[in-house]
Protein backbone atom coordinates (compact mmCIF):
# COMPACT_ATOMS: atom_id res chain seq x y z
CA UNK A 1 0.00 -0.05 -0.11
CA UNK A 2 3.02 2.20 0.66
CA UNK A 3 4.24 1.79 -2.74
CA UNK A 4 0.89 2.38 -4.32
CA UNK A 5 0.42 5.72 -2.35
CA UNK A 6 3.96 6.72 -3.40
CA UNK A 7 3.07 5.90 -6.91
CA UNK A 8 -0.36 7.82 -6.90
CA UNK A 9 1.40 10.97 -5.23
CA UNK A 10 3.16 11.75 -8.37
CA UNK A 11 1.58 14.02 -10.85
CA UNK A 12 2.77 11.86 -13.74
CA UNK A 13 0.94 8.86 -12.41
CA UNK A 14 -2.47 10.72 -11.59
CA UNK A 15 -2.47 12.43 -15.14
CA UNK A 16 -1.66 9.02 -16.81
CA UNK A 17 -4.48 7.29 -14.81
CA UNK A 18 -7.11 10.07 -15.83
CA UNK A 19 -6.11 9.74 -19.24
CA UNK A 20 -5.99 5.77 -19.44
CA UNK A 21 -8.90 4.78 -17.24
CA UNK A 22 -11.56 6.12 -19.32
CA UNK A 23 -10.12 4.40 -22.45
CA UNK A 24 -9.79 1.04 -20.30
CA UNK A 25 -13.65 1.50 -19.23
CA UNK A 26 -14.72 2.24 -22.91
CA UNK A 27 -12.84 -0.85 -24.11
CA UNK A 28 -14.27 -3.18 -21.50
CA UNK A 29 -17.87 -1.67 -22.19
CA UNK A 30 -17.61 -1.80 -26.11
CA UNK A 31 -19.69 -4.85 -26.48
CA UNK A 32 -22.41 -3.09 -24.06
CA UNK A 33 -22.28 0.34 -25.67
CA UNK A 34 -22.19 -0.80 -29.20
CA UNK A 35 -23.35 -4.38 -29.31
CA UNK A 36 -23.68 -4.50 -33.02
CA UNK A 37 -21.24 -4.74 -35.95
CA UNK A 38 -19.04 -1.47 -35.63
CA UNK A 39 -18.35 -2.13 -39.37
CA UNK A 40 -22.17 -1.90 -40.15
CA UNK A 41 -23.43 0.88 -42.28
CA UNK A 42 -25.73 2.95 -39.89
CA UNK A 43 -26.20 6.26 -41.94
CA UNK A 44 -25.30 8.34 -44.82
CA UNK A 45 -21.59 8.64 -45.76
CA UNK A 46 -19.47 11.43 -44.41
CA UNK A 47 -21.85 12.81 -41.86
CA UNK A 48 -19.95 15.47 -39.92
CA UNK A 49 -19.52 15.22 -36.03
CA UNK A 50 -22.19 16.55 -33.87
CA UNK A 51 -25.02 16.66 -36.61
CA UNK A 52 -27.18 13.66 -35.29
CA UNK A 53 -27.34 12.70 -31.61
CA UNK A 54 -27.35 8.94 -32.63
CA UNK A 55 -24.15 9.51 -34.46
CA UNK A 56 -22.16 12.17 -32.35
CA UNK A 57 -18.89 11.50 -34.07
CA UNK A 58 -20.37 11.09 -37.56
CA UNK A 59 -19.91 8.56 -40.13
CA UNK A 60 -17.14 7.54 -42.41
CA UNK A 61 -16.98 7.47 -46.26
CA UNK A 62 -19.17 4.31 -46.14
CA UNK A 63 -21.65 5.33 -43.57
CA UNK A 64 -20.09 3.39 -40.58
CA UNK A 65 -20.52 5.03 -36.98
CA UNK A 66 -17.17 6.63 -36.12
CA UNK A 67 -17.73 6.46 -32.19
CA UNK A 68 -18.47 2.90 -32.48
CA UNK A 69 -15.27 2.20 -34.40
CA UNK A 70 -13.18 4.41 -32.16
CA UNK A 71 -14.55 2.25 -28.83
CA UNK A 72 -13.83 -0.83 -30.73
CA UNK A 73 -10.55 0.31 -31.62
CA UNK A 74 -9.61 0.88 -28.25
CA UNK A 75 -10.34 -2.56 -27.31
CA UNK A 76 -7.80 -3.75 -30.18
CA UNK A 77 -4.97 -1.34 -29.30
CA UNK A 78 -5.00 -1.84 -25.55
CA UNK A 79 -5.19 -5.66 -26.06
CA UNK A 80 -2.23 -5.73 -28.44
CA UNK A 81 -0.26 -3.41 -25.97
CA UNK A 82 -0.83 -5.58 -23.07
CA UNK A 83 -0.35 -8.77 -24.72
CA UNK A 84 2.64 -7.93 -26.82
CA UNK A 85 4.23 -6.43 -23.67
CA UNK A 86 3.36 -9.46 -21.39
CA UNK A 87 4.87 -11.80 -24.20
CA UNK A 88 7.94 -9.68 -24.50
CA UNK A 89 8.42 -9.53 -20.77
CA UNK A 90 8.08 -13.32 -20.35
CA UNK A 91 10.41 -14.20 -23.16
CA UNK A 92 12.93 -11.84 -22.01
CA UNK A 93 12.83 -12.57 -18.29
CA UNK A 94 13.38 -16.30 -19.12
CA UNK A 95 16.23 -15.77 -21.65
CA UNK A 96 17.88 -13.18 -19.35
CA UNK A 97 17.63 -15.43 -16.34
CA UNK A 98 19.13 -18.21 -18.30
CA UNK A 99 21.91 -16.20 -19.78
CA UNK A 100 22.79 -14.83 -16.34
CA UNK A 101 22.77 -18.25 -14.44
CA UNK A 102 23.39 -20.81 -17.13
CA UNK A 103 27.15 -20.30 -17.08
CA UNK A 104 29.60 -18.65 -19.77
CA UNK A 105 28.62 -20.75 -22.80
CA UNK A 106 24.78 -20.00 -22.30
CA UNK A 107 25.52 -16.48 -21.62
CA UNK A 108 27.67 -15.97 -24.85
CA UNK A 109 25.15 -17.68 -27.16
CA UNK A 110 22.08 -16.15 -25.91
CA UNK A 111 23.46 -12.43 -25.53
CA UNK A 112 24.73 -12.86 -29.16
CA UNK A 113 21.11 -13.88 -30.28
CA UNK A 114 19.69 -10.99 -28.20
CA UNK A 115 22.23 -8.61 -29.95
CA UNK A 116 21.46 -9.95 -33.39
CA UNK A 117 17.63 -9.27 -32.73
CA UNK A 118 18.57 -5.65 -31.38
CA UNK A 119 20.20 -4.80 -34.66
CA UNK A 120 16.95 -4.99 -36.44
CA UNK A 121 14.43 -2.06 -35.80
CA UNK A 122 11.40 -3.34 -34.02
CA UNK A 123 8.68 -2.17 -36.59
CA UNK A 124 10.89 -3.52 -39.69
CA UNK A 125 10.93 -6.77 -37.90
CA UNK A 126 7.23 -6.66 -37.33
CA UNK A 127 6.50 -5.72 -40.81
CA UNK A 128 8.46 -8.60 -42.29
CA UNK A 129 6.95 -11.16 -39.80
CA UNK A 130 3.36 -10.02 -40.49
CA UNK A 131 3.95 -10.01 -44.18
CA UNK A 132 5.15 -13.41 -44.28
CA UNK A 133 2.74 -15.00 -41.59
CA UNK A 134 -0.32 -13.13 -42.55
CA UNK A 135 -2.17 -10.17 -40.74
CA UNK A 136 -4.07 -11.81 -37.62
CA UNK A 137 -4.26 -10.43 -34.25
CA UNK A 138 -2.12 -13.21 -32.87
CA UNK A 139 0.76 -12.77 -35.33
CA UNK A 140 0.54 -8.97 -34.70
CA UNK A 141 1.06 -9.45 -30.97
CA UNK A 142 3.87 -11.90 -31.61
CA UNK A 143 5.54 -9.78 -34.11
CA UNK A 144 5.58 -7.08 -31.75
CA UNK A 145 6.85 -9.09 -28.94
CA UNK A 146 9.74 -10.47 -31.17
CA UNK A 147 11.32 -7.05 -31.58
CA UNK A 148 10.66 -6.07 -27.82
CA UNK A 149 12.09 -9.03 -25.63
CA UNK A 150 15.85 -8.13 -25.94
CA UNK A 151 15.60 -5.02 -23.61
CA UNK A 152 13.96 -7.14 -20.86
CA UNK A 153 16.37 -9.88 -21.53
CA UNK A 154 19.33 -7.75 -20.90
CA UNK A 155 17.91 -6.00 -17.83
CA UNK A 156 17.09 -9.56 -16.25
CA UNK A 157 20.55 -10.78 -17.21
CA UNK A 158 22.09 -7.94 -15.28
CA UNK A 159 19.94 -8.39 -12.23
CA UNK A 160 20.64 -12.17 -12.22
CA UNK A 161 24.38 -11.64 -12.55
CA UNK A 162 24.18 -9.28 -9.41
CA UNK A 163 21.80 -11.63 -7.31
CA UNK A 164 23.41 -15.00 -8.02
CA UNK A 165 26.15 -14.49 -5.54
CA UNK A 166 23.89 -13.57 -2.75
CA UNK A 167 23.86 -15.65 0.55
CA UNK A 168 20.41 -17.06 0.09
CA UNK A 169 21.32 -18.48 -3.47
CA UNK A 170 24.46 -20.23 -1.95
CA UNK A 171 22.07 -21.76 0.80
CA UNK A 172 19.84 -23.07 -1.94
CA UNK A 173 22.68 -24.72 -3.54
CA UNK A 174 23.92 -26.08 -0.48
CA UNK A 175 20.52 -27.88 0.26
CA UNK A 176 20.53 -29.33 -3.01
CA UNK A 177 18.08 -27.49 -5.11
CA UNK A 178 18.33 -28.03 -8.89
CA UNK A 179 19.95 -25.19 -10.90
CA UNK A 180 16.66 -24.50 -12.99
CA UNK A 181 14.68 -24.34 -9.39
CA UNK A 182 17.16 -21.92 -8.10
CA UNK A 183 17.29 -19.76 -11.19
CA UNK A 184 13.34 -19.36 -11.63
CA UNK A 185 12.32 -19.68 -8.02
CA UNK A 186 14.85 -17.92 -6.00
CA UNK A 187 16.53 -15.52 -8.36
CA UNK A 188 14.06 -14.53 -11.06
CA UNK A 189 11.42 -13.05 -8.60
CA UNK A 190 13.88 -10.88 -7.12
CA UNK A 191 15.17 -9.79 -10.56
CA UNK A 192 11.51 -9.10 -11.90
CA UNK A 193 11.04 -5.44 -10.54
CA UNK A 194 13.53 -3.48 -12.83
CA UNK A 195 12.21 -5.85 -15.64
CA UNK A 196 8.70 -4.89 -15.10
CA UNK A 197 9.67 -1.30 -15.13
CA UNK A 198 10.17 -1.57 -18.81
CA UNK A 199 6.40 -2.50 -19.41
CA UNK A 200 5.15 0.84 -19.95
CA UNK A 201 7.50 1.65 -22.65
CA UNK A 202 6.80 -1.58 -24.44
CA UNK A 203 3.03 -1.09 -24.11
CA UNK A 204 3.26 2.33 -25.74
CA UNK A 205 5.59 1.12 -28.47
CA UNK A 206 3.30 -1.86 -29.18
CA UNK A 207 0.29 0.47 -29.56
CA UNK A 208 2.14 2.72 -31.86
CA UNK A 209 3.63 -0.37 -33.92
CA UNK A 210 0.15 -1.95 -34.19
CA UNK A 211 -1.26 1.40 -35.56
CA UNK A 212 1.47 1.72 -38.05
CA UNK A 213 1.01 -1.90 -39.23
CA UNK A 214 -2.84 -1.32 -39.58
CA UNK A 215 -2.37 1.92 -41.42
CA UNK A 216 -0.19 0.11 -43.89
CA UNK A 217 -3.04 -2.57 -44.27
CA UNK A 218 -1.20 -5.25 -42.23
CA UNK A 219 -3.61 -5.22 -39.28
CA UNK A 220 -6.06 -7.86 -38.73
CA UNK A 221 -8.82 -7.32 -41.38
CA UNK A 222 -11.50 -8.60 -38.82
CA UNK A 223 -10.87 -6.05 -36.16
CA UNK A 224 -11.35 -2.26 -36.06
CA UNK A 225 -7.97 -0.49 -35.27
CA UNK A 226 -7.18 3.25 -34.72
CA UNK A 227 -4.54 2.79 -37.37
CA UNK A 228 -6.84 1.39 -39.97
CA UNK A 229 -9.31 4.21 -39.13
CA UNK A 230 -6.72 6.74 -39.77
CA UNK A 231 -5.69 5.01 -43.00
CA UNK A 232 -9.24 5.05 -43.97
CA UNK A 233 -9.60 8.70 -43.43
CA UNK A 234 -6.54 9.68 -45.49
CA UNK A 235 -8.43 9.23 -48.87
CA UNK A 236 -10.90 12.13 -47.82
CA UNK A 237 -8.45 14.16 -45.69
CA UNK A 238 -9.30 17.45 -47.35
CA UNK A 239 -13.00 17.10 -47.11
CA UNK A 240 -13.52 14.92 -43.92
CA UNK A 241 -10.40 15.41 -41.97
CA UNK A 242 -11.86 14.34 -38.79
CA UNK A 243 -11.98 10.74 -39.90
CA UNK A 244 -7.94 10.78 -39.25
CA UNK A 245 -8.04 13.40 -36.54
CA UNK A 246 -10.20 11.66 -33.93
CA UNK A 247 -8.37 8.23 -33.98
CA UNK A 248 -5.07 10.12 -34.06
CA UNK A 249 -6.17 12.04 -31.04
CA UNK A 250 -7.10 8.71 -29.15
CA UNK A 251 -3.76 7.14 -30.27
CA UNK A 252 -1.79 9.98 -28.68
CA UNK A 253 -3.85 10.00 -25.60
CA UNK A 254 -3.29 6.17 -25.09
CA UNK A 255 0.50 6.30 -25.75
CA UNK A 256 1.05 9.63 -23.65
CA UNK A 257 -1.10 8.19 -20.79
CA UNK A 258 1.07 4.86 -20.72
CA UNK A 259 4.13 7.04 -20.96
CA UNK A 260 3.20 9.12 -18.01
CA UNK A 261 2.34 6.11 -15.86
CA UNK A 262 5.91 4.79 -16.56
CA UNK A 263 7.33 8.10 -15.52
CA UNK A 264 5.28 8.20 -12.26
CA UNK A 265 6.50 4.56 -11.50
CA UNK A 266 10.16 5.60 -12.07
CA UNK A 267 9.65 8.63 -9.76
CA UNK A 268 8.02 6.45 -7.05
CA UNK A 269 11.11 3.90 -7.14
CA UNK A 270 13.49 6.89 -7.04
CA UNK A 271 11.64 8.45 -3.91
CA UNK A 272 11.51 5.02 -2.24
CA UNK A 273 15.45 4.67 -2.63
CA UNK A 274 16.09 8.24 -1.27
CA UNK A 275 13.67 7.46 1.52
CA UNK A 276 15.53 4.33 2.37
């Protein structure tokens, strides 16, 4: 509770929560608020915002409800961001733990693989992977995680290298625990906090990469995405700029909110260390 109060005491955390919580609530309530198909035609094409109470944000060039698409798009963006971050953190934590605890050969091999992945920009890696595998939600999540796991792996390795010489690790060896048991039950839980600190950066990056892939037509065609909405609006940018501006604002708000939460968590950790 003390850590939570310290986190909420930062202005960045409060601002991030104020921006992100409405998006989360809308995403969770999307099937309730807009139970029909968000891609269904519901009115005349290119109806401007605030012209009809039933369609407060207007319609796109096919006559689909922009607000319904925006809310369902929040579902996709947040789902991809969280799933990709969780996948990247899990992969990175496991590889970093094995590299830091498995000895010199395992360390050299795994770190060279990690460096090889780091040389390729995350977006280009995701673009190539989705182009080959096909644009589904699962492939997009895995493609983003594929470019994001090296950073958590390096942080986990550094933490494991500093922890593995602790007294409780030596005691675990003395009582006969197996190396993998020591690594994943004794060392990894204590190495996780710095790794989890990367989650906000990975989530924000994942949301942007997913939007960029959707903008290029490589998002899941069965899901509404903010990037796809922006791409849809570019063909009528002069006459109906709101079709790109509205999802663009939502994208900026989501990424900024996640970034502010990460900054708040970092400040809370620094204040904890200075207090200690």
